[in-house]
């Protein structure tokens, strides 16, 4: 989201961005550098690096003389906020990207979240969060209720366009005929994605529908994953699943699917749901993070961690006439265009910045 926001301002002389990574420069940093954005990596590796990082942040901020210091996620909110304030800057905007705090196993991160809650009254001028659930969770932690602004993620829709020829080509590669329905999930193999729940739901669907197959896309979602193979064997589903692993053509694969499924037990603002919707693929999602808000009335939502209800919604979607599923996909694309295009979301960020500068 940071990358998309910065890209949306490229060529506009009113905006200049400097991006500072607390850790390594990363793939996103390299892509930003490639389009001429200044990116600085502090290469922090542990808590012992904090004093030096704060000193370097303070020096960079004083040299850059920014109008706004925008921080992203908890560690940056705290350290970036402190560095900006000791440098004499008050126009600080925090950014919160998740509502899945209960799942955090890192005690240091939990401590930083609590410190952010305590300092939210005096460090930031505004706090941007990705959705209402994220706001509610952080209000319960003690964050300042008067600072919040809800701004969803935004997407470059020019790169997310459904193609009948791409769909045909990919389904041919997947050895899938036109009469078969493909239900897919996408995301790294992680407990929060609750893929066992998805596989159990798939087993219930497979018992009732013969012409349905299931696709898994994401890091470690491949045949080398022993845990995943065991789950498929437990439910006798190995012949029904296509395991693609990590791919660089996820949007195209979305157009090859008939239904996209989010089975997660916890999320923030799941990008993959918006990307599927932008590709006119109807969705069945759990009520994790902002997924229900994203889908709206264009798909089906079910409680988390309920394979029976997830299977029921998938069956309902699969049993709809093809024309009805197509209409849901079209409505999904329209919802993304109306609410989550990067141009509209970038305007909302700028509106927050303008309010902070006015104050």
Protein backbone atom coordinates (compact mmCIF):
# COMPACT_ATOMS: atom_id res chain seq x y z
CA UNK A 1 0.00 0.00 0.00
CA UNK A 2 2.87 2.36 0.76
CA UNK A 3 4.35 1.61 -2.67
CA UNK A 4 1.04 2.23 -4.42
CA UNK A 5 0.55 5.53 -2.56
CA UNK A 6 4.02 6.79 -3.46
CA UNK A 7 3.60 5.68 -7.09
CA UNK A 8 0.31 7.59 -7.32
CA UNK A 9 2.22 10.84 -6.65
CA UNK A 10 4.98 10.24 -9.18
CA UNK A 11 5.14 13.10 -11.65
CA UNK A 12 3.19 15.42 -9.33
CA UNK A 13 5.44 18.32 -8.33
CA UNK A 14 3.40 18.95 -5.16
CA UNK A 15 4.69 15.77 -3.50
CA UNK A 16 8.12 14.35 -2.76
CA UNK A 17 8.60 11.20 -0.72
CA UNK A 18 11.52 9.84 1.25
CA UNK A 19 10.98 6.26 2.44
CA UNK A 20 12.91 4.95 5.46
CA UNK A 21 12.94 1.22 6.23
CA UNK A 22 13.81 0.27 9.80
CA UNK A 23 15.15 -3.07 8.52
CA UNK A 24 16.47 -4.01 5.07
CA UNK A 25 15.60 -2.23 1.85
CA UNK A 26 13.60 -5.23 0.59
CA UNK A 27 11.95 -5.84 -2.77
CA UNK A 28 9.49 -2.98 -2.33
CA UNK A 29 12.33 -0.60 -1.54
CA UNK A 30 14.20 -1.64 -4.66
CA UNK A 31 11.09 -1.09 -6.80
CA UNK A 32 10.62 2.38 -5.33
CA UNK A 33 14.27 3.23 -5.98
CA UNK A 34 13.80 2.10 -9.59
CA UNK A 35 11.18 4.83 -10.13
CA UNK A 36 13.36 7.52 -8.56
CA UNK A 37 12.15 7.52 -4.95
CA UNK A 38 14.74 8.05 -2.22
CA UNK A 39 14.81 4.94 0.00
CA UNK A 40 17.01 4.62 3.10
CA UNK A 41 17.49 1.36 5.02
CA UNK A 42 18.52 1.46 8.70
CA UNK A 43 19.15 -2.34 8.79
CA UNK A 44 17.92 -2.84 12.36
CA UNK A 45 18.25 -6.45 13.51
CA UNK A 46 17.39 -6.35 17.20
CA UNK A 47 16.33 -4.13 20.09
CA UNK A 48 20.02 -3.32 20.68
CA UNK A 49 19.96 -1.30 17.45
CA UNK A 50 17.22 1.07 18.70
CA UNK A 51 19.45 3.90 20.07
CA UNK A 52 21.48 4.12 16.85
CA UNK A 53 18.30 3.88 14.74
CA UNK A 54 16.68 6.73 16.68
CA UNK A 55 19.77 8.89 16.25
CA UNK A 56 19.88 8.18 12.49
CA UNK A 57 16.12 8.80 12.12
CA UNK A 58 16.45 12.14 13.89
CA UNK A 59 19.30 13.16 11.59
CA UNK A 60 17.45 12.07 8.41
CA UNK A 61 14.25 13.88 9.43
CA UNK A 62 16.13 17.10 10.18
CA UNK A 63 17.88 16.93 6.81
CA UNK A 64 14.69 16.13 4.88
CA UNK A 65 12.64 18.86 6.64
CA UNK A 66 9.32 17.11 5.86
CA UNK A 67 5.87 18.65 6.02
CA UNK A 68 4.47 15.28 7.17
CA UNK A 69 6.09 12.31 8.87
CA UNK A 70 3.95 9.29 7.99
CA UNK A 71 4.83 6.07 9.84
CA UNK A 72 3.66 2.56 8.92
CA UNK A 73 3.00 -0.19 11.50
CA UNK A 74 3.80 -0.43 15.20
CA UNK A 75 7.61 -0.34 15.38
CA UNK A 76 7.78 2.57 12.94
CA UNK A 77 4.88 4.36 14.67
CA UNK A 78 6.75 4.38 17.96
CA UNK A 79 10.32 4.94 16.77
CA UNK A 80 9.43 7.26 13.90
CA UNK A 81 7.07 9.25 16.11
CA UNK A 82 9.69 9.67 18.82
CA UNK A 83 12.41 10.63 16.34
CA UNK A 84 10.17 13.21 14.69
CA UNK A 85 9.11 14.80 17.98
CA UNK A 86 12.66 15.13 19.31
CA UNK A 87 13.55 16.68 15.94
CA UNK A 88 10.92 19.34 16.54
CA UNK A 89 8.16 18.00 14.25
CA UNK A 90 4.53 17.57 15.29
CA UNK A 91 2.89 16.72 11.95
CA UNK A 92 3.08 12.97 12.57
CA UNK A 93 0.59 10.51 11.09
CA UNK A 94 0.59 6.91 12.29
CA UNK A 95 -0.66 3.99 10.22
CA UNK A 96 -2.27 0.82 11.62
CA UNK A 97 -2.55 -2.12 9.25
CA UNK A 98 -4.14 -4.96 11.24
CA UNK A 99 -6.91 -6.01 13.61
CA UNK A 100 -5.38 -9.43 14.40
CA UNK A 101 -3.67 -8.63 17.69
CA UNK A 102 -4.74 -11.75 19.60
CA UNK A 103 -2.67 -13.89 17.26
CA UNK A 104 0.61 -12.09 17.93
CA UNK A 105 3.15 -14.33 19.63
CA UNK A 106 5.90 -11.72 19.87
CA UNK A 107 6.02 -10.25 23.38
CA UNK A 108 8.23 -7.33 22.22
CA UNK A 109 5.66 -6.39 19.59
CA UNK A 110 2.91 -6.59 22.21
CA UNK A 111 4.91 -4.23 24.43
CA UNK A 112 5.41 -1.79 21.55
CA UNK A 113 1.66 -1.84 20.83
CA UNK A 114 0.92 -0.95 24.45
CA UNK A 115 3.52 1.84 24.37
CA UNK A 116 1.89 3.13 21.19
CA UNK A 117 -1.50 3.11 22.91
CA UNK A 118 -0.10 5.14 25.83
CA UNK A 119 1.71 7.63 23.60
CA UNK A 120 -1.12 8.00 21.05
CA UNK A 121 -2.42 11.00 23.00
CA UNK A 122 0.68 13.11 22.42
CA UNK A 123 2.84 11.61 19.62
CA UNK A 124 0.67 11.49 16.46
CA UNK A 125 -1.55 14.25 15.13
CA UNK A 126 -3.67 11.61 13.34
CA UNK A 127 -3.88 7.82 13.12
CA UNK A 128 -4.88 6.20 9.83
CA UNK A 129 -6.24 2.66 10.06
CA UNK A 130 -7.39 0.37 7.27
CA UNK A 131 -10.90 -0.35 8.55
CA UNK A 132 -13.50 -0.14 11.28
CA UNK A 133 -12.50 -3.43 12.93
CA UNK A 134 -8.91 -2.26 13.26
CA UNK A 135 -10.13 0.97 14.84
CA UNK A 136 -12.33 -0.87 17.36
CA UNK A 137 -9.54 -3.24 18.39
CA UNK A 138 -7.12 -0.38 19.01
CA UNK A 139 -9.66 1.74 20.85
CA UNK A 140 -10.07 -1.19 23.25
CA UNK A 141 -6.31 -1.11 23.79
CA UNK A 142 -6.47 2.52 24.85
CA UNK A 143 -5.58 4.38 21.65
CA UNK A 144 -6.81 7.99 21.48
CA UNK A 145 -10.30 7.84 19.96
CA UNK A 146 -10.11 11.40 18.61
CA UNK A 147 -7.12 10.70 16.35
CA UNK A 148 -8.54 7.99 14.07
CA UNK A 149 -9.16 8.29 10.33
CA UNK A 150 -10.32 5.20 8.39
CA UNK A 151 -8.71 4.91 4.96
CA UNK A 152 -8.87 1.53 3.17
CA UNK A 153 -6.21 0.09 0.91
CA UNK A 154 -6.12 1.27 -2.69
CA UNK A 155 -5.30 -0.56 -5.93
CA UNK A 156 -4.05 0.27 -9.40
CA UNK A 157 -6.93 -1.17 -11.41
CA UNK A 158 -5.16 -0.66 -14.74
CA UNK A 159 -3.04 -3.72 -13.92
CA UNK A 160 -6.05 -5.77 -12.78
CA UNK A 161 -8.10 -6.54 -15.87
CA UNK A 162 -9.85 -9.83 -16.57
CA UNK A 163 -8.94 -11.49 -19.85
CA UNK A 164 -10.84 -14.35 -21.46
CA UNK A 165 -7.76 -15.43 -23.41
CA UNK A 166 -5.57 -15.48 -20.28
CA UNK A 167 -8.25 -17.47 -18.45
CA UNK A 168 -8.39 -20.00 -21.27
CA UNK A 169 -4.60 -20.31 -21.45
CA UNK A 170 -4.13 -20.80 -17.73
CA UNK A 171 -6.97 -23.29 -17.38
CA UNK A 172 -5.41 -25.26 -20.23
CA UNK A 173 -2.10 -25.29 -18.32
CA UNK A 174 -3.94 -26.42 -15.19
CA UNK A 175 -5.55 -29.22 -17.24
CA UNK A 176 -9.01 -27.93 -16.38
CA UNK A 177 -11.90 -27.99 -18.83
CA UNK A 178 -14.62 -25.35 -19.09
CA UNK A 179 -17.20 -27.49 -17.29
CA UNK A 180 -15.09 -27.83 -14.14
CA UNK A 181 -15.39 -25.23 -11.41
CA UNK A 182 -12.16 -23.97 -9.84
CA UNK A 183 -12.22 -22.70 -6.26
CA UNK A 184 -8.99 -21.05 -5.17
CA UNK A 185 -7.21 -19.65 -2.13
CA UNK A 186 -4.12 -17.46 -2.19
CA UNK A 187 -1.62 -16.64 0.55
CA UNK A 188 1.43 -18.00 2.31
CA UNK A 189 1.08 -21.23 4.30
CA UNK A 190 0.45 -19.79 7.75
CA UNK A 191 -1.76 -20.76 10.73
CA UNK A 192 -3.69 -17.50 10.40
CA UNK A 193 -4.78 -18.47 6.87
CA UNK A 194 -6.47 -21.56 8.39
CA UNK A 195 -5.93 -23.76 5.37
CA UNK A 196 -6.96 -26.85 7.27
CA UNK A 197 -10.36 -25.24 7.62
CA UNK A 198 -10.42 -24.68 3.86
CA UNK A 199 -9.43 -28.28 3.14
CA UNK A 200 -12.10 -29.62 5.49
CA UNK A 201 -14.68 -27.38 3.80
CA UNK A 202 -13.42 -28.58 0.41
CA UNK A 203 -14.00 -32.20 1.47
CA UNK A 204 -17.64 -31.37 2.26
CA UNK A 205 -18.04 -29.64 -1.10
CA UNK A 206 -16.36 -32.48 -2.98
CA UNK A 207 -18.82 -35.00 -1.52
CA UNK A 208 -21.72 -33.17 -3.12
CA UNK A 209 -20.23 -31.81 -6.35
CA UNK A 210 -18.18 -33.90 -8.76
CA UNK A 211 -17.02 -31.17 -11.14
CA UNK A 212 -15.17 -29.03 -8.61
CA UNK A 213 -11.42 -28.72 -8.08
CA UNK A 214 -9.40 -26.60 -5.68
CA UNK A 215 -6.34 -24.43 -6.27
CA UNK A 216 -3.84 -23.22 -3.65
CA UNK A 217 -1.46 -20.37 -4.49
CA UNK A 218 1.21 -19.02 -2.15
CA UNK A 219 4.54 -19.60 -0.48
CA UNK A 220 4.86 -23.22 0.70
CA UNK A 221 1.48 -24.15 -0.76
CA UNK A 222 3.13 -26.84 -2.85
CA UNK A 223 3.78 -30.57 -2.91
CA UNK A 224 6.95 -30.15 -0.82
CA UNK A 225 4.86 -29.17 2.20
CA UNK A 226 4.51 -32.37 4.27
CA UNK A 227 1.84 -30.89 6.56
CA UNK A 228 -0.28 -29.87 3.61
CA UNK A 229 0.10 -33.29 1.96
CA UNK A 230 -0.96 -34.98 5.20
CA UNK A 231 -4.12 -32.86 5.42
CA UNK A 232 -5.03 -33.69 1.83
CA UNK A 233 -4.44 -37.39 2.49
CA UNK A 234 -6.55 -37.23 5.66
CA UNK A 235 -9.52 -36.03 3.62
CA UNK A 236 -8.66 -38.09 0.52
CA UNK A 237 -8.45 -34.96 -1.62
CA UNK A 238 -5.02 -35.16 -3.26
CA UNK A 239 -6.53 -35.68 -6.73
CA UNK A 240 -8.87 -32.69 -6.31
CA UNK A 241 -6.20 -30.13 -5.37
CA UNK A 242 -3.79 -28.19 -7.58
CA UNK A 243 -0.85 -26.87 -5.53
CA UNK A 244 0.85 -24.01 -7.37
CA UNK A 245 3.09 -22.57 -4.66
CA UNK A 246 4.37 -19.00 -4.89
CA UNK A 247 3.60 -17.33 -8.22
CA UNK A 248 4.22 -13.98 -9.88
CA UNK A 249 1.03 -14.05 -11.96
CA UNK A 250 -1.58 -14.04 -9.18
CA UNK A 251 -3.98 -11.57 -10.89
CA UNK A 252 -4.07 -13.72 -14.02
CA UNK A 253 -4.69 -16.82 -11.92
CA UNK A 254 -7.63 -15.05 -10.29
CA UNK A 255 -9.27 -14.79 -13.69
CA UNK A 256 -8.82 -18.56 -14.16
CA UNK A 257 -10.82 -19.22 -10.97
CA UNK A 258 -14.61 -19.43 -10.79
CA UNK A 259 -14.71 -18.67 -7.05
CA UNK A 260 -12.14 -17.14 -4.72
CA UNK A 261 -12.15 -18.20 -1.07
CA UNK A 262 -10.61 -16.54 2.00
CA UNK A 263 -10.53 -19.07 4.85
CA UNK A 264 -8.49 -17.00 7.33
CA UNK A 265 -9.11 -16.83 11.06
CA UNK A 266 -7.42 -13.39 11.28
CA UNK A 267 -6.60 -10.66 8.77
CA UNK A 268 -6.06 -6.93 8.48
CA UNK A 269 -7.22 -5.59 5.13
CA UNK A 270 -6.77 -8.64 2.88
CA UNK A 271 -5.37 -7.37 -0.41
CA UNK A 272 -5.98 -10.67 -2.12
CA UNK A 273 -9.77 -10.31 -1.75
CA UNK A 274 -9.70 -6.91 -3.46
CA UNK A 275 -7.47 -8.29 -6.20
CA UNK A 276 -9.84 -11.20 -6.81
CA UNK A 277 -12.82 -8.83 -6.92
CA UNK A 278 -10.97 -6.49 -9.29
CA UNK A 279 -10.53 -9.50 -11.59
CA UNK A 280 -14.35 -10.00 -11.47
CA UNK A 281 -14.04 -13.24 -9.48
CA UNK A 282 -16.89 -13.73 -6.95
CA UNK A 283 -15.73 -14.36 -3.40
CA UNK A 284 -16.63 -16.44 -0.35
CA UNK A 285 -14.82 -15.10 2.72
CA UNK A 286 -14.66 -15.55 6.47
CA UNK A 287 -15.35 -12.55 8.69
CA UNK A 288 -11.64 -12.01 9.32
CA UNK A 289 -10.39 -8.44 9.55
CA UNK A 290 -12.08 -6.20 6.99
CA UNK A 291 -13.00 -9.03 4.57
CA UNK A 292 -16.75 -8.73 5.11
CA UNK A 293 -16.62 -4.96 4.55
CA UNK A 294 -14.57 -5.40 1.37
CA UNK A 295 -16.95 -7.94 -0.18
CA UNK A 296 -20.14 -6.14 0.79
CA UNK A 297 -23.12 -7.68 -1.03
CA UNK A 298 -21.06 -8.98 -3.96
CA UNK A 299 -20.19 -12.32 -2.32
CA UNK A 300 -20.87 -14.52 0.70
CA UNK A 301 -19.40 -14.21 4.20
CA UNK A 302 -19.27 -16.79 6.99
CA UNK A 303 -17.86 -16.99 10.55
CA UNK A 304 -14.19 -17.87 11.00
CA UNK A 305 -13.11 -21.42 11.89
CA UNK A 306 -16.34 -23.09 10.71
CA UNK A 307 -15.72 -25.58 7.92
CA UNK A 308 -19.41 -26.48 7.74
CA UNK A 309 -20.53 -22.89 7.14
CA UNK A 310 -17.66 -22.23 4.75
CA UNK A 311 -18.59 -25.34 2.76
CA UNK A 312 -22.24 -24.28 2.73
CA UNK A 313 -21.37 -20.87 1.27
CA UNK A 314 -19.05 -22.43 -1.34
CA UNK A 315 -21.79 -24.88 -2.36
CA UNK A 316 -24.28 -22.05 -2.62
CA UNK A 317 -21.91 -20.08 -4.85
CA UNK A 318 -21.10 -23.08 -7.04
CA UNK A 319 -24.77 -23.93 -7.52
CA UNK A 320 -25.65 -20.49 -8.78
CA UNK A 321 -26.22 -20.22 -12.53
CA UNK A 322 -23.12 -19.16 -14.43
CA UNK A 323 -24.78 -15.89 -15.39
CA UNK A 324 -25.49 -15.05 -11.74
CA UNK A 325 -21.86 -15.72 -10.75
CA UNK A 326 -20.76 -13.51 -13.64
CA UNK A 327 -23.04 -10.73 -12.41
CA UNK A 328 -21.61 -11.05 -8.89
CA UNK A 329 -18.10 -10.81 -10.33
CA UNK A 330 -19.05 -7.69 -12.28
CA UNK A 331 -20.54 -6.15 -9.16
CA UNK A 332 -17.37 -7.02 -7.24
CA UNK A 333 -15.22 -5.20 -9.81
CA UNK A 334 -17.53 -2.18 -9.61
CA UNK A 335 -17.28 -2.13 -5.81
CA UNK A 336 -13.48 -2.03 -5.99
CA UNK A 337 -13.61 0.74 -8.59
CA UNK A 338 -16.00 2.80 -6.46
CA UNK A 339 -14.28 2.32 -3.09
CA UNK A 340 -10.72 1.04 -3.41
CA UNK A 341 -9.09 2.58 -6.48
CA UNK A 342 -5.66 3.99 -5.66
CA UNK A 343 -6.59 7.44 -6.99
CA UNK A 344 -9.52 7.78 -4.57
CA UNK A 345 -7.60 6.32 -1.64
CA UNK A 346 -4.58 8.57 -2.32
CA UNK A 347 -6.92 11.58 -2.24
CA UNK A 348 -8.10 10.50 1.21
CA UNK A 349 -4.50 10.28 2.45
CA UNK A 350 -3.85 13.77 1.13
CA UNK A 351 -7.02 15.00 2.88
CA UNK A 352 -5.70 13.66 6.20
CA UNK A 353 -2.34 15.33 5.57
CA UNK A 354 -4.05 18.64 4.77
CA UNK A 355 -6.07 18.50 7.99
CA UNK A 356 -2.92 17.83 10.01
CA UNK A 357 -1.10 20.73 8.35
CA UNK A 358 -4.06 23.03 9.00
CA UNK A 359 -4.03 22.14 12.68
